[in-house]
Amino acid sequence: MISLRRHQQRGTPHLGGVVTVTPIRDRSGEGDETYSVSWHSPGGDLRWLSPRIPSQEGAEIAAAVLNEFVCGVKR
């Protein structure tokens, strides 16, 4: 709630949208599972996809930071 107040005080636009962490499997089956963070705007007209992130913990942290920035919903 404090971070939302900071955004409102600064006049930063409220983007909203949905932030998701998705596992990505190596097609060959030999590599480890990696993760990707994505964001979709509320209207669906804007999208963003991160490069592959090697650990689930790292992806969760990246998603939390992105979610705080856009004031979205993390799923």
N, C-alpha and C. Protein backbone atom coordinates (compact mmCIF):
# COMPACT_ATOMS: atom_id res chain seq x y z
N MET A 1 0.82 -1.18 0.00
CA MET A 1 0.00 0.00 0.00
C MET A 1 0.87 1.25 0.00
N ILE A 2 2.00 1.20 0.69
CA ILE A 2 2.88 2.36 0.73
C ILE A 2 3.42 2.66 -0.66
N SER A 3 3.80 1.61 -1.42
CA SER A 3 4.34 1.84 -2.76
C SER A 3 3.29 2.46 -3.68
N LEU A 4 2.03 2.06 -3.54
CA LEU A 4 0.96 2.65 -4.35
C LEU A 4 0.82 4.13 -4.04
N ARG A 5 0.93 4.48 -2.77
CA ARG A 5 0.86 5.89 -2.38
C ARG A 5 2.00 6.69 -2.98
N ARG A 6 3.19 6.10 -3.03
CA ARG A 6 4.33 6.79 -3.63
C ARG A 6 4.08 7.10 -5.10
N HIS A 7 3.52 6.12 -5.82
CA HIS A 7 3.21 6.33 -7.23
C HIS A 7 2.19 7.45 -7.40
N GLN A 8 1.18 7.47 -6.56
CA GLN A 8 0.14 8.48 -6.67
C GLN A 8 0.69 9.86 -6.33
N GLN A 9 1.58 9.95 -5.35
CA GLN A 9 2.14 11.23 -4.96
C GLN A 9 3.03 11.79 -6.06
N ARG A 10 3.74 10.96 -6.74
CA ARG A 10 4.65 11.41 -7.80
C ARG A 10 3.92 11.73 -9.10
N GLY A 11 2.69 11.36 -9.19
CA GLY A 11 1.96 11.59 -10.43
C GLY A 11 2.28 10.56 -11.50
N THR A 12 2.86 9.43 -11.10
CA THR A 12 3.17 8.36 -12.05
C THR A 12 1.88 7.72 -12.52
N PRO A 13 1.72 7.49 -13.80
CA PRO A 13 0.48 6.89 -14.28
C PRO A 13 0.29 5.47 -13.75
N HIS A 14 -0.93 5.10 -13.52
CA HIS A 14 -1.29 3.77 -13.06
C HIS A 14 -1.53 2.90 -14.29
N LEU A 15 -0.61 2.00 -14.58
CA LEU A 15 -0.73 1.16 -15.77
C LEU A 15 -1.65 -0.03 -15.54
N GLY A 16 -1.56 -0.65 -14.36
CA GLY A 16 -2.37 -1.82 -14.07
C GLY A 16 -1.93 -3.01 -14.90
N GLY A 17 -2.83 -3.91 -15.14
CA GLY A 17 -2.53 -5.09 -15.94
C GLY A 17 -2.19 -6.31 -15.10
N VAL A 18 -1.74 -7.35 -15.77
CA VAL A 18 -1.45 -8.63 -15.13
C VAL A 18 0.02 -8.99 -15.34
N VAL A 19 0.69 -9.36 -14.25
CA VAL A 19 2.08 -9.81 -14.29
C VAL A 19 2.09 -11.30 -13.98
N THR A 20 2.77 -12.09 -14.82
CA THR A 20 2.79 -13.54 -14.65
C THR A 20 4.20 -14.10 -14.74
N VAL A 21 4.46 -15.17 -13.98
CA VAL A 21 5.71 -15.93 -14.09
C VAL A 21 5.35 -17.25 -14.77
N THR A 22 6.05 -17.57 -15.87
CA THR A 22 5.75 -18.77 -16.64
C THR A 22 7.00 -19.64 -16.77
N PRO A 23 6.89 -20.94 -16.45
CA PRO A 23 8.03 -21.84 -16.67
C PRO A 23 8.21 -22.10 -18.16
N ILE A 24 9.47 -22.18 -18.59
CA ILE A 24 9.80 -22.47 -19.99
C ILE A 24 10.66 -23.73 -20.00
N ARG A 25 10.20 -24.73 -20.70
CA ARG A 25 10.97 -25.98 -20.78
C ARG A 25 11.81 -26.00 -22.04
N ASP A 26 12.99 -26.57 -21.92
CA ASP A 26 13.88 -26.72 -23.06
C ASP A 26 13.28 -27.78 -23.99
N ARG A 27 13.15 -27.46 -25.26
CA ARG A 27 12.51 -28.39 -26.21
C ARG A 27 13.27 -29.70 -26.36
N SER A 28 14.59 -29.64 -26.20
CA SER A 28 15.38 -30.87 -26.35
C SER A 28 15.25 -31.77 -25.13
N GLY A 29 14.78 -31.19 -24.02
CA GLY A 29 14.64 -31.98 -22.80
C GLY A 29 15.92 -32.14 -22.02
N GLU A 30 17.02 -31.59 -22.52
CA GLU A 30 18.31 -31.74 -21.86
C GLU A 30 18.61 -30.62 -20.87
N GLY A 31 18.08 -29.43 -21.13
CA GLY A 31 18.39 -28.28 -20.30
C GLY A 31 17.47 -28.18 -19.10
N ASP A 32 17.85 -27.32 -18.18
CA ASP A 32 17.02 -27.07 -17.01
C ASP A 32 15.85 -26.17 -17.37
N GLU A 33 14.85 -26.19 -16.54
CA GLU A 33 13.69 -25.33 -16.75
C GLU A 33 14.09 -23.89 -16.43
N THR A 34 13.69 -22.96 -17.27
CA THR A 34 13.91 -21.54 -17.03
C THR A 34 12.54 -20.88 -16.90
N TYR A 35 12.55 -19.59 -16.58
CA TYR A 35 11.29 -18.88 -16.33
C TYR A 35 11.27 -17.57 -17.09
N SER A 36 10.07 -17.09 -17.33
CA SER A 36 9.88 -15.82 -18.01
C SER A 36 8.83 -15.02 -17.25
N VAL A 37 9.00 -13.71 -17.23
CA VAL A 37 8.02 -12.81 -16.61
C VAL A 37 7.34 -12.06 -17.74
N SER A 38 6.02 -11.99 -17.68
CA SER A 38 5.29 -11.26 -18.71
C SER A 38 4.33 -10.27 -18.06
N TRP A 39 3.98 -9.23 -18.84
CA TRP A 39 3.01 -8.23 -18.41
C TRP A 39 2.07 -7.97 -19.56
N HIS A 40 0.79 -7.92 -19.27
CA HIS A 40 -0.25 -7.60 -20.25
C HIS A 40 -1.07 -6.45 -19.69
N SER A 41 -1.24 -5.41 -20.50
CA SER A 41 -2.02 -4.25 -20.07
C SER A 41 -3.49 -4.64 -19.90
N PRO A 42 -4.25 -3.84 -19.16
CA PRO A 42 -5.66 -4.18 -18.94
C PRO A 42 -6.45 -4.34 -20.25
N GLY A 43 -6.16 -3.53 -21.25
CA GLY A 43 -6.87 -3.64 -22.52
C GLY A 43 -6.29 -4.69 -23.45
N GLY A 44 -5.13 -5.24 -23.11
CA GLY A 44 -4.49 -6.24 -23.94
C GLY A 44 -3.72 -5.68 -25.12
N ASP A 45 -3.66 -4.35 -25.24
CA ASP A 45 -2.98 -3.76 -26.39
C ASP A 45 -1.48 -3.62 -26.19
N LEU A 46 -1.00 -3.71 -24.94
CA LEU A 46 0.44 -3.64 -24.66
C LEU A 46 0.87 -4.92 -23.96
N ARG A 47 2.03 -5.43 -24.37
CA ARG A 47 2.57 -6.66 -23.76
C ARG A 47 4.07 -6.54 -23.63
N TRP A 48 4.61 -7.22 -22.63
CA TRP A 48 6.06 -7.25 -22.43
C TRP A 48 6.44 -8.64 -21.96
N LEU A 49 7.56 -9.16 -22.46
CA LEU A 49 8.05 -10.49 -22.09
C LEU A 49 9.53 -10.39 -21.78
N SER A 50 9.93 -10.90 -20.62
CA SER A 50 11.34 -10.84 -20.21
C SER A 50 12.15 -11.89 -20.96
N PRO A 51 13.46 -11.71 -20.96
CA PRO A 51 14.31 -12.82 -21.43
C PRO A 51 14.23 -13.96 -20.42
N ARG A 52 14.79 -15.09 -20.77
CA ARG A 52 14.76 -16.25 -19.87
C ARG A 52 15.51 -15.95 -18.58
N ILE A 53 14.92 -16.38 -17.47
CA ILE A 53 15.51 -16.19 -16.14
C ILE A 53 15.80 -17.59 -15.60
N PRO A 54 17.04 -17.86 -15.16
CA PRO A 54 17.43 -19.23 -14.80
C PRO A 54 16.78 -19.81 -13.55
N SER A 55 16.33 -18.99 -12.61
CA SER A 55 15.76 -19.56 -11.38
C SER A 55 14.35 -19.03 -11.13
N GLN A 56 13.55 -19.85 -10.48
CA GLN A 56 12.18 -19.44 -10.16
C GLN A 56 12.21 -18.28 -9.15
N GLU A 57 13.13 -18.34 -8.22
CA GLU A 57 13.26 -17.27 -7.22
C GLU A 57 13.56 -15.93 -7.90
N GLY A 58 14.48 -15.93 -8.85
CA GLY A 58 14.82 -14.72 -9.59
C GLY A 58 13.63 -14.19 -10.37
N ALA A 59 12.86 -15.10 -10.97
CA ALA A 59 11.68 -14.70 -11.74
C ALA A 59 10.61 -14.11 -10.82
N GLU A 60 10.43 -14.69 -9.64
CA GLU A 60 9.45 -14.17 -8.69
C GLU A 60 9.83 -12.77 -8.21
N ILE A 61 11.13 -12.55 -7.99
CA ILE A 61 11.61 -11.23 -7.57
C ILE A 61 11.39 -10.22 -8.70
N ALA A 62 11.73 -10.60 -9.92
CA ALA A 62 11.53 -9.71 -11.07
C ALA A 62 10.04 -9.37 -11.24
N ALA A 63 9.19 -10.35 -11.06
CA ALA A 63 7.75 -10.14 -11.20
C ALA A 63 7.23 -9.20 -10.11
N ALA A 64 7.75 -9.34 -8.90
CA ALA A 64 7.33 -8.46 -7.80
C ALA A 64 7.73 -7.01 -8.08
N VAL A 65 8.93 -6.81 -8.59
CA VAL A 65 9.39 -5.46 -8.91
C VAL A 65 8.55 -4.87 -10.04
N LEU A 66 8.32 -5.64 -11.09
CA LEU A 66 7.51 -5.17 -12.21
C LEU A 66 6.08 -4.87 -11.75
N ASN A 67 5.53 -5.74 -10.93
CA ASN A 67 4.18 -5.55 -10.42
C ASN A 67 4.06 -4.26 -9.61
N GLU A 68 5.07 -3.98 -8.79
CA GLU A 68 5.05 -2.75 -8.01
C GLU A 68 5.13 -1.52 -8.92
N PHE A 69 5.90 -1.62 -9.98
CA PHE A 69 6.05 -0.50 -10.91
C PHE A 69 4.76 -0.20 -11.66
N VAL A 70 4.09 -1.25 -12.16
CA VAL A 70 2.88 -1.02 -12.96
C VAL A 70 1.61 -0.98 -12.13
N CYS A 71 1.72 -1.29 -10.83
CA CYS A 71 0.53 -1.35 -9.94
C CYS A 71 -0.49 -2.34 -10.51
N GLY A 72 0.00 -3.52 -10.88
CA GLY A 72 -0.87 -4.52 -11.49
C GLY A 72 -1.27 -5.61 -10.53
N VAL A 73 -1.71 -6.73 -11.09
CA VAL A 73 -2.10 -7.90 -10.34
C VAL A 73 -1.12 -9.01 -10.71
N LYS A 74 -0.51 -9.64 -9.70
CA LYS A 74 0.44 -10.73 -9.97
C LYS A 74 -0.28 -12.06 -9.87
N ARG A 75 -0.11 -12.86 -10.91
CA ARG A 75 -0.73 -14.21 -10.92
C ARG A 75 0.31 -15.26 -11.09
